[in-house]
């Protein structure tokens, strides 16, 4: 599986640009991908905060992860502008009948494919050697552009999950 996503992250955005990642409950179909990419690009181009244009970016990665980014060096993102992004995500969720807000499901790379498992099944998966401490995990808790580039796709042992799994890893 090609994990070379960094080349699609805007280089001209500040490293501290705020990031929101929404993981879909399923991979989007090809026709859906095209529609979603248009919706994200349109949103990012027209994103405003108190009437000022937000330097924004929106993209779909691996057909399953929506990434929104705001470079606040020019315009800060406020409650209303954040609400508008959440509204977009809820609209996409409804339109494509997916769950984009479930933070209790993890995405991992297993046998060169993205697989999702409930957090409650993580220990079972490790105990039964379905995944290891070296299995790559999509750490959707990252908050900045720099963290996306350095800590979004990491081995479980290098993520926040390692503390939860010390006894089994």
N, C-alpha and C. Protein backbone atom coordinates (compact mmCIF):
# COMPACT_ATOMS: atom_id res chain seq x y z
N UNK A 1 0.85 -1.17 0.00
CA UNK A 1 0.00 0.00 0.00
C UNK A 1 0.89 1.24 0.00
N UNK A 2 0.58 2.16 -0.88
CA UNK A 2 1.36 3.40 -0.99
C UNK A 2 0.89 4.38 0.08
N UNK A 3 1.77 4.72 1.00
CA UNK A 3 1.45 5.64 2.10
C UNK A 3 2.04 7.03 1.90
N UNK A 4 2.42 7.34 0.67
CA UNK A 4 3.06 8.62 0.38
C UNK A 4 2.00 9.72 0.26
N UNK A 5 1.50 10.18 1.38
CA UNK A 5 0.46 11.21 1.40
C UNK A 5 1.02 12.61 1.59
N UNK A 6 2.23 12.71 2.11
CA UNK A 6 2.79 14.02 2.50
C UNK A 6 2.91 14.98 1.32
N UNK A 7 3.10 14.45 0.14
CA UNK A 7 3.25 15.32 -1.02
C UNK A 7 1.96 16.06 -1.36
N UNK A 8 0.85 15.63 -0.79
CA UNK A 8 -0.44 16.28 -1.05
C UNK A 8 -0.79 17.33 0.01
N UNK A 9 0.00 17.39 1.07
CA UNK A 9 -0.21 18.39 2.13
C UNK A 9 0.42 19.71 1.64
N UNK A 10 -0.31 20.81 1.69
CA UNK A 10 0.24 22.07 1.17
C UNK A 10 1.51 22.51 1.90
N UNK A 11 2.59 22.60 1.17
CA UNK A 11 3.88 22.99 1.75
C UNK A 11 3.87 24.43 2.24
N UNK A 12 3.05 25.27 1.64
CA UNK A 12 3.04 26.70 2.00
C UNK A 12 2.18 27.00 3.24
N UNK A 13 1.65 25.97 3.86
CA UNK A 13 0.90 26.16 5.11
C UNK A 13 1.88 26.09 6.28
N UNK A 14 1.62 26.88 7.30
CA UNK A 14 2.44 26.89 8.51
C UNK A 14 2.39 25.52 9.18
N UNK A 15 3.50 25.11 9.79
CA UNK A 15 3.56 23.82 10.50
C UNK A 15 2.52 23.72 11.61
N UNK A 16 2.12 24.86 12.18
CA UNK A 16 1.15 24.87 13.27
C UNK A 16 -0.30 25.01 12.80
N UNK A 17 -0.52 24.88 11.51
CA UNK A 17 -1.88 24.93 10.98
C UNK A 17 -2.74 23.88 11.67
N UNK A 18 -3.96 24.27 12.03
CA UNK A 18 -4.86 23.35 12.73
C UNK A 18 -5.42 22.31 11.77
N UNK A 19 -5.57 21.10 12.29
CA UNK A 19 -6.03 19.97 11.49
C UNK A 19 -7.17 19.25 12.19
N UNK A 20 -8.12 18.81 11.37
CA UNK A 20 -9.21 17.95 11.83
C UNK A 20 -9.26 16.77 10.87
N UNK A 21 -9.26 15.56 11.42
CA UNK A 21 -9.34 14.35 10.59
C UNK A 21 -10.60 13.59 10.96
N UNK A 22 -11.34 13.24 9.92
CA UNK A 22 -12.58 12.47 10.10
C UNK A 22 -12.41 11.15 9.37
N UNK A 23 -12.54 10.06 10.11
CA UNK A 23 -12.37 8.72 9.55
C UNK A 23 -13.73 8.16 9.20
N UNK A 24 -13.88 7.73 7.98
CA UNK A 24 -15.14 7.15 7.54
C UNK A 24 -15.26 5.70 7.99
N UNK A 25 -16.48 5.28 8.22
CA UNK A 25 -16.73 3.90 8.63
C UNK A 25 -16.51 2.91 7.48
N UNK A 26 -16.34 3.44 6.28
CA UNK A 26 -16.02 2.58 5.14
C UNK A 26 -15.25 3.41 4.12
N UNK A 27 -14.59 2.73 3.21
CA UNK A 27 -13.92 3.43 2.11
C UNK A 27 -14.99 3.95 1.16
N UNK A 28 -14.74 5.12 0.62
CA UNK A 28 -15.68 5.70 -0.34
C UNK A 28 -15.45 5.07 -1.72
N UNK A 29 -16.53 4.94 -2.48
CA UNK A 29 -16.47 4.43 -3.84
C UNK A 29 -15.88 5.50 -4.76
N UNK A 30 -15.39 5.09 -5.92
CA UNK A 30 -14.71 6.03 -6.82
C UNK A 30 -15.58 7.23 -7.19
N UNK A 31 -16.85 7.01 -7.50
CA UNK A 31 -17.72 8.14 -7.86
C UNK A 31 -17.94 9.05 -6.65
N UNK A 32 -17.98 8.48 -5.45
CA UNK A 32 -18.13 9.27 -4.23
C UNK A 32 -16.87 10.09 -3.96
N UNK A 33 -15.71 9.50 -4.22
CA UNK A 33 -14.43 10.18 -3.99
C UNK A 33 -14.38 11.48 -4.77
N UNK A 34 -14.74 11.41 -6.04
CA UNK A 34 -14.72 12.60 -6.88
C UNK A 34 -15.65 13.69 -6.35
N UNK A 35 -16.86 13.30 -5.97
CA UNK A 35 -17.83 14.26 -5.44
C UNK A 35 -17.34 14.88 -4.12
N UNK A 36 -16.79 14.05 -3.26
CA UNK A 36 -16.31 14.52 -1.96
C UNK A 36 -15.12 15.46 -2.13
N UNK A 37 -14.21 15.12 -3.02
CA UNK A 37 -13.05 15.99 -3.25
C UNK A 37 -13.48 17.36 -3.76
N UNK A 38 -14.50 17.40 -4.61
CA UNK A 38 -15.02 18.68 -5.09
C UNK A 38 -15.65 19.46 -3.94
N UNK A 39 -16.44 18.78 -3.11
CA UNK A 39 -17.08 19.44 -1.96
C UNK A 39 -16.04 19.99 -0.99
N UNK A 40 -14.99 19.24 -0.73
CA UNK A 40 -13.94 19.68 0.20
C UNK A 40 -13.16 20.87 -0.37
N UNK A 41 -12.83 20.79 -1.64
CA UNK A 41 -12.11 21.89 -2.27
C UNK A 41 -12.95 23.17 -2.29
N UNK A 42 -14.22 23.03 -2.62
CA UNK A 42 -15.12 24.18 -2.63
C UNK A 42 -15.25 24.78 -1.23
N UNK A 43 -15.40 23.93 -0.24
CA UNK A 43 -15.50 24.41 1.14
C UNK A 43 -14.24 25.17 1.54
N UNK A 44 -13.09 24.55 1.30
CA UNK A 44 -11.81 25.17 1.72
C UNK A 44 -11.59 26.51 1.02
N UNK A 45 -11.98 26.61 -0.23
CA UNK A 45 -11.81 27.86 -0.98
C UNK A 45 -12.71 28.96 -0.43
N UNK A 46 -13.89 28.60 0.07
CA UNK A 46 -14.88 29.58 0.53
C UNK A 46 -14.99 29.68 2.05
N UNK A 47 -14.10 29.01 2.78
CA UNK A 47 -14.16 28.97 4.24
C UNK A 47 -13.91 30.37 4.80
N UNK A 48 -14.79 30.81 5.66
CA UNK A 48 -14.66 32.15 6.24
C UNK A 48 -14.77 32.11 7.76
N UNK A 49 -14.14 33.09 8.37
CA UNK A 49 -14.23 33.31 9.81
C UNK A 49 -14.50 34.79 10.02
N UNK A 50 -15.66 35.10 10.54
CA UNK A 50 -16.07 36.49 10.74
C UNK A 50 -15.91 37.31 9.47
N UNK A 51 -16.28 36.72 8.35
CA UNK A 51 -16.24 37.41 7.07
C UNK A 51 -14.90 37.37 6.36
N UNK A 52 -13.84 36.98 7.05
CA UNK A 52 -12.51 36.91 6.44
C UNK A 52 -12.24 35.50 5.91
N UNK A 53 -11.61 35.45 4.76
CA UNK A 53 -11.28 34.16 4.15
C UNK A 53 -10.26 33.42 5.02
N UNK A 54 -10.54 32.15 5.27
CA UNK A 54 -9.61 31.28 5.99
C UNK A 54 -8.70 30.63 4.95
N UNK A 55 -7.42 30.61 5.24
CA UNK A 55 -6.49 29.87 4.38
C UNK A 55 -6.71 28.40 4.69
N UNK A 56 -7.56 27.77 3.88
CA UNK A 56 -7.99 26.42 4.20
C UNK A 56 -7.59 25.40 3.16
N UNK A 57 -7.65 24.16 3.57
CA UNK A 57 -7.33 23.02 2.72
C UNK A 57 -8.24 21.88 3.14
N UNK A 58 -8.75 21.16 2.16
CA UNK A 58 -9.56 19.99 2.45
C UNK A 58 -9.28 18.92 1.42
N UNK A 59 -9.11 17.69 1.87
CA UNK A 59 -8.82 16.59 0.95
C UNK A 59 -9.25 15.27 1.56
N UNK A 60 -9.43 14.31 0.68
CA UNK A 60 -9.76 12.95 1.07
C UNK A 60 -8.51 12.10 0.85
N UNK A 61 -8.09 11.40 1.89
CA UNK A 61 -6.91 10.55 1.80
C UNK A 61 -7.29 9.08 1.92
N UNK A 62 -6.65 8.26 1.11
CA UNK A 62 -6.84 6.81 1.15
C UNK A 62 -8.31 6.42 1.00
N UNK A 63 -9.10 7.27 0.37
CA UNK A 63 -10.54 7.06 0.15
C UNK A 63 -11.33 6.88 1.43
N UNK A 64 -10.74 7.23 2.58
CA UNK A 64 -11.42 6.96 3.85
C UNK A 64 -11.23 8.05 4.91
N UNK A 65 -10.33 8.98 4.71
CA UNK A 65 -10.04 9.99 5.73
C UNK A 65 -10.20 11.39 5.15
N UNK A 66 -11.07 12.17 5.75
CA UNK A 66 -11.23 13.56 5.36
C UNK A 66 -10.33 14.39 6.26
N UNK A 67 -9.49 15.21 5.63
CA UNK A 67 -8.59 16.08 6.37
C UNK A 67 -8.94 17.53 6.03
N UNK A 68 -9.23 18.30 7.06
CA UNK A 68 -9.42 19.74 6.91
C UNK A 68 -8.27 20.43 7.64
N UNK A 69 -7.75 21.51 7.02
CA UNK A 69 -6.64 22.22 7.62
C UNK A 69 -6.87 23.72 7.47
N UNK A 70 -6.55 24.45 8.53
CA UNK A 70 -6.65 25.91 8.50
C UNK A 70 -5.33 26.51 8.98
N UNK A 71 -4.73 27.32 8.10
CA UNK A 71 -3.51 28.04 8.45
C UNK A 71 -3.96 29.35 9.10
N UNK A 72 -3.81 29.43 10.39
CA UNK A 72 -4.32 30.59 11.14
C UNK A 72 -3.34 31.75 11.22
N UNK A 73 -2.27 31.70 10.45
CA UNK A 73 -1.33 32.82 10.48
C UNK A 73 -1.96 34.08 9.88
N UNK A 74 -2.93 33.90 9.01
CA UNK A 74 -3.62 35.05 8.40
C UNK A 74 -4.95 35.33 9.09
N UNK A 75 -5.77 34.30 9.24
CA UNK A 75 -7.11 34.44 9.83
C UNK A 75 -7.33 33.29 10.80
N UNK A 76 -7.69 33.62 12.03
CA UNK A 76 -7.98 32.59 13.02
C UNK A 76 -9.32 31.94 12.75
N UNK A 77 -9.43 30.69 13.15
CA UNK A 77 -10.68 29.94 13.00
C UNK A 77 -11.44 30.05 14.31
N UNK A 78 -12.66 30.55 14.20
CA UNK A 78 -13.48 30.75 15.40
C UNK A 78 -14.57 29.69 15.49
N UNK A 79 -15.43 29.82 16.49
CA UNK A 79 -16.52 28.87 16.69
C UNK A 79 -17.42 28.72 15.49
N UNK A 80 -17.80 29.84 14.88
CA UNK A 80 -18.71 29.79 13.72
C UNK A 80 -18.05 29.12 12.52
N UNK A 81 -16.77 29.40 12.30
CA UNK A 81 -16.10 28.78 11.15
C UNK A 81 -15.86 27.29 11.40
N UNK A 82 -15.60 26.93 12.64
CA UNK A 82 -15.49 25.51 12.98
C UNK A 82 -16.84 24.83 12.81
N UNK A 83 -17.91 25.50 13.24
CA UNK A 83 -19.26 24.96 13.07
C UNK A 83 -19.57 24.71 11.60
N UNK A 84 -19.12 25.61 10.72
CA UNK A 84 -19.40 25.42 9.29
C UNK A 84 -18.70 24.17 8.77
N UNK A 85 -17.50 23.88 9.28
CA UNK A 85 -16.80 22.67 8.84
C UNK A 85 -17.51 21.42 9.36
N UNK A 86 -17.98 21.48 10.58
CA UNK A 86 -18.72 20.34 11.15
C UNK A 86 -20.01 20.12 10.36
N UNK A 87 -20.66 21.21 9.98
CA UNK A 87 -21.87 21.11 9.17
C UNK A 87 -21.58 20.38 7.85
N UNK A 88 -20.47 20.73 7.21
CA UNK A 88 -20.07 20.05 5.98
C UNK A 88 -19.88 18.55 6.21
N UNK A 89 -19.18 18.21 7.28
CA UNK A 89 -18.91 16.80 7.57
C UNK A 89 -20.22 16.05 7.84
N UNK A 90 -21.12 16.66 8.59
CA UNK A 90 -22.42 16.02 8.85
C UNK A 90 -23.22 15.85 7.56
N UNK A 91 -23.12 16.81 6.67
CA UNK A 91 -23.80 16.72 5.39
C UNK A 91 -23.25 15.55 4.57
N UNK A 92 -21.93 15.40 4.53
CA UNK A 92 -21.30 14.29 3.82
C UNK A 92 -21.67 12.96 4.46
N UNK A 93 -21.71 12.96 5.77
CA UNK A 93 -22.07 11.75 6.51
C UNK A 93 -23.47 11.28 6.10
N UNK A 94 -24.40 12.20 6.05
CA UNK A 94 -25.78 11.88 5.68
C UNK A 94 -25.88 11.48 4.22
N UNK A 95 -25.24 12.24 3.36
CA UNK A 95 -25.32 11.99 1.92
C UNK A 95 -24.77 10.62 1.54
N UNK A 96 -23.68 10.21 2.18
CA UNK A 96 -23.03 8.95 1.80
C UNK A 96 -23.29 7.81 2.79
N UNK A 97 -24.13 8.07 3.76
CA UNK A 97 -24.53 7.07 4.76
C UNK A 97 -23.32 6.38 5.39
N UNK A 98 -22.44 7.23 5.96
CA UNK A 98 -21.26 6.75 6.66
C UNK A 98 -21.21 7.41 8.04
N UNK A 99 -20.39 6.87 8.90
CA UNK A 99 -20.15 7.47 10.21
C UNK A 99 -18.78 8.13 10.14
N UNK A 100 -18.75 9.45 10.37
CA UNK A 100 -17.50 10.19 10.34
C UNK A 100 -17.09 10.72 11.72
N UNK A 101 -17.88 10.41 12.74
CA UNK A 101 -17.61 10.95 14.07
C UNK A 101 -17.32 9.87 15.11
N UNK A 102 -17.21 8.62 14.71
CA UNK A 102 -16.96 7.54 15.66
C UNK A 102 -15.48 7.51 16.03
N UNK A 103 -15.18 7.94 17.24
CA UNK A 103 -13.79 7.98 17.70
C UNK A 103 -13.40 6.69 18.44
N UNK A 104 -14.28 5.70 18.42
CA UNK A 104 -14.01 4.44 19.11
C UNK A 104 -13.64 3.32 18.14
N UNK A 105 -13.43 3.69 16.88
CA UNK A 105 -13.00 2.72 15.88
C UNK A 105 -11.65 3.16 15.36
N UNK A 106 -10.74 2.22 15.32
CA UNK A 106 -9.37 2.50 14.89
C UNK A 106 -9.15 1.98 13.48
N UNK A 107 -8.34 2.70 12.73
CA UNK A 107 -7.94 2.25 11.40
C UNK A 107 -6.48 1.82 11.46
N UNK A 108 -6.24 0.63 10.97
CA UNK A 108 -4.90 0.04 10.99
C UNK A 108 -4.59 -0.49 9.59
N UNK A 109 -3.32 -0.65 9.32
CA UNK A 109 -2.93 -1.27 8.06
C UNK A 109 -2.58 -2.72 8.36
N UNK A 110 -3.42 -3.59 7.87
CA UNK A 110 -3.27 -5.03 8.09
C UNK A 110 -3.25 -5.70 6.72
N UNK A 111 -2.19 -6.45 6.48
CA UNK A 111 -2.01 -7.14 5.20
C UNK A 111 -2.16 -6.16 4.04
N UNK A 112 -1.53 -5.02 4.16
CA UNK A 112 -1.47 -4.01 3.11
C UNK A 112 -2.82 -3.39 2.76
N UNK A 113 -3.76 -3.47 3.69
CA UNK A 113 -5.08 -2.85 3.51
C UNK A 113 -5.47 -2.12 4.78
N UNK A 114 -6.30 -1.09 4.62
CA UNK A 114 -6.84 -0.39 5.78
C UNK A 114 -7.99 -1.21 6.34
N UNK A 115 -7.86 -1.54 7.61
CA UNK A 115 -8.89 -2.28 8.32
C UNK A 115 -9.30 -1.47 9.54
N UNK A 116 -10.57 -1.48 9.86
CA UNK A 116 -11.03 -0.79 11.07
C UNK A 116 -11.47 -1.82 12.09
N UNK A 117 -11.14 -1.52 13.34
CA UNK A 117 -11.59 -2.37 14.44
C UNK A 117 -12.03 -1.48 15.59
N UNK A 118 -13.03 -1.94 16.34
CA UNK A 118 -13.43 -1.17 17.52
C UNK A 118 -12.29 -1.16 18.54
N UNK A 119 -12.13 -0.05 19.22
CA UNK A 119 -11.09 0.07 20.25
C UNK A 119 -11.23 -1.03 21.29
N UNK A 120 -12.46 -1.44 21.57
CA UNK A 120 -12.70 -2.49 22.57
C UNK A 120 -12.13 -3.84 22.13
N UNK A 121 -11.84 -4.00 20.84
CA UNK A 121 -11.31 -5.27 20.33
C UNK A 121 -9.79 -5.26 20.16
N UNK A 122 -9.16 -4.15 20.52
CA UNK A 122 -7.72 -4.02 20.31
C UNK A 122 -6.92 -5.09 21.05
N UNK A 123 -7.18 -5.29 22.31
CA UNK A 123 -6.43 -6.30 23.07
C UNK A 123 -6.65 -7.69 22.50
N UNK A 124 -7.87 -7.99 22.09
CA UNK A 124 -8.15 -9.28 21.47
C UNK A 124 -7.31 -9.45 20.21
N UNK A 125 -7.26 -8.41 19.39
CA UNK A 125 -6.50 -8.47 18.14
C UNK A 125 -5.01 -8.70 18.40
N UNK A 126 -4.49 -8.07 19.45
CA UNK A 126 -3.07 -8.25 19.79
C UNK A 126 -2.83 -9.65 20.36
N UNK A 127 -3.67 -10.07 21.31
CA UNK A 127 -3.51 -11.39 21.93
C UNK A 127 -3.58 -12.51 20.90
N UNK A 128 -4.37 -12.33 19.85
CA UNK A 128 -4.52 -13.34 18.81
C UNK A 128 -3.63 -13.09 17.60
N UNK A 129 -2.66 -12.18 17.79
CA UNK A 129 -1.64 -11.88 16.80
C UNK A 129 -2.19 -11.44 15.45
N UNK A 130 -3.36 -10.80 15.48
CA UNK A 130 -3.90 -10.20 14.27
C UNK A 130 -3.16 -8.90 13.97
N UNK A 131 -2.70 -8.24 15.03
CA UNK A 131 -1.87 -7.05 14.92
C UNK A 131 -0.75 -7.14 15.94
N UNK A 132 0.30 -6.37 15.69
CA UNK A 132 1.44 -6.34 16.61
C UNK A 132 1.72 -4.89 17.00
N UNK A 133 2.68 -4.72 17.85
CA UNK A 133 3.09 -3.37 18.26
C UNK A 133 3.61 -2.57 17.07
N UNK A 134 4.05 -3.26 16.02
CA UNK A 134 4.58 -2.61 14.83
C UNK A 134 3.53 -2.33 13.76
N UNK A 135 2.31 -2.79 13.98
CA UNK A 135 1.23 -2.52 13.02
C UNK A 135 1.02 -1.02 12.91
N UNK A 136 0.88 -0.54 11.69
CA UNK A 136 0.68 0.89 11.46
C UNK A 136 -0.76 1.28 11.79
N UNK A 137 -0.87 2.41 12.45
CA UNK A 137 -2.13 2.92 12.97
C UNK A 137 -2.33 4.36 12.49
N UNK A 138 -3.56 4.69 12.12
CA UNK A 138 -3.90 6.07 11.74
C UNK A 138 -4.28 6.82 13.02
N UNK A 139 -3.37 7.64 13.47
CA UNK A 139 -3.54 8.40 14.71
C UNK A 139 -4.30 9.70 14.39
N UNK A 140 -5.62 9.61 14.39
CA UNK A 140 -6.47 10.74 14.01
C UNK A 140 -6.57 11.81 15.09
N UNK A 141 -5.79 11.66 16.15
CA UNK A 141 -5.79 12.67 17.23
C UNK A 141 -4.80 13.80 16.95
N UNK A 142 -4.08 13.73 15.84
CA UNK A 142 -3.12 14.78 15.52
C UNK A 142 -3.85 16.11 15.35
N UNK A 143 -3.18 17.21 15.71
CA UNK A 143 -3.84 18.51 15.74
C UNK A 143 -3.23 19.55 14.80
N UNK A 144 -2.03 19.30 14.31
CA UNK A 144 -1.36 20.30 13.47
C UNK A 144 -0.82 19.65 12.19
N UNK A 145 -0.47 20.51 11.25
CA UNK A 145 0.12 20.02 10.00
C UNK A 145 1.38 19.21 10.29
N UNK A 146 2.23 19.74 11.15
CA UNK A 146 3.48 19.04 11.48
C UNK A 146 3.20 17.65 12.07
N UNK A 147 2.21 17.58 12.97
CA UNK A 147 1.86 16.28 13.55
C UNK A 147 1.31 15.33 12.50
N UNK A 148 0.54 15.84 11.53
CA UNK A 148 0.04 14.98 10.45
C UNK A 148 1.22 14.37 9.72
N UNK A 149 2.18 15.21 9.39
CA UNK A 149 3.33 14.75 8.61
C UNK A 149 4.21 13.77 9.40
N UNK A 150 4.27 13.94 10.71
CA UNK A 150 5.19 13.11 11.51
C UNK A 150 4.52 12.01 12.32
N UNK A 151 3.24 12.18 12.66
CA UNK A 151 2.63 11.26 13.63
C UNK A 151 1.26 10.72 13.24
N UNK A 152 0.83 10.95 12.00
CA UNK A 152 -0.51 10.46 11.63
C UNK A 152 -0.49 8.95 11.43
N UNK A 153 0.45 8.46 10.65
CA UNK A 153 0.55 7.02 10.41
C UNK A 153 1.79 6.53 11.15
N UNK A 154 1.56 5.84 12.26
CA UNK A 154 2.66 5.39 13.11
C UNK A 154 2.42 3.97 13.58
N UNK A 155 3.48 3.34 14.01
CA UNK A 155 3.34 2.02 14.63
C UNK A 155 2.58 2.19 15.95
N UNK A 156 1.76 1.23 16.28
CA UNK A 156 0.99 1.29 17.52
C UNK A 156 1.90 1.61 18.70
N UNK A 157 3.08 1.02 18.73
CA UNK A 157 3.99 1.23 19.87
C UNK A 157 4.47 2.67 19.99
N UNK A 158 4.33 3.48 18.93
CA UNK A 158 4.75 4.88 18.97
C UNK A 158 3.57 5.83 19.09
N UNK A 159 2.40 5.30 19.38
CA UNK A 159 1.20 6.13 19.47
C UNK A 159 0.70 6.20 20.91
N UNK A 160 -0.33 6.96 21.10
CA UNK A 160 -0.96 7.07 22.42
C UNK A 160 -1.49 5.73 22.89
N UNK A 161 -1.70 4.79 21.98
CA UNK A 161 -2.22 3.48 22.35
C UNK A 161 -1.22 2.64 23.13
N UNK A 162 0.05 2.95 23.01
CA UNK A 162 1.07 2.14 23.67
C UNK A 162 0.86 2.08 25.18
N UNK A 163 0.43 3.17 25.77
CA UNK A 163 0.21 3.17 27.23
C UNK A 163 -0.96 2.28 27.63
N UNK A 164 -1.92 2.13 26.75
CA UNK A 164 -3.08 1.28 27.04
C UNK A 164 -2.73 -0.20 26.89
N UNK A 165 -1.64 -0.48 26.19
CA UNK A 165 -1.35 -1.85 25.81
C UNK A 165 -0.07 -2.41 26.38
N UNK A 166 0.53 -1.74 27.33
CA UNK A 166 1.82 -2.18 27.87
C UNK A 166 1.79 -3.65 28.30
N UNK A 167 0.68 -4.06 28.86
CA UNK A 167 0.63 -5.43 29.37
C UNK A 167 0.56 -6.49 28.27
N UNK A 168 0.11 -6.10 27.07
CA UNK A 168 -0.04 -7.10 26.03
C UNK A 168 1.01 -6.99 24.93
N UNK A 169 1.68 -5.85 24.82
CA UNK A 169 2.67 -5.69 23.76
C UNK A 169 4.00 -6.27 24.20
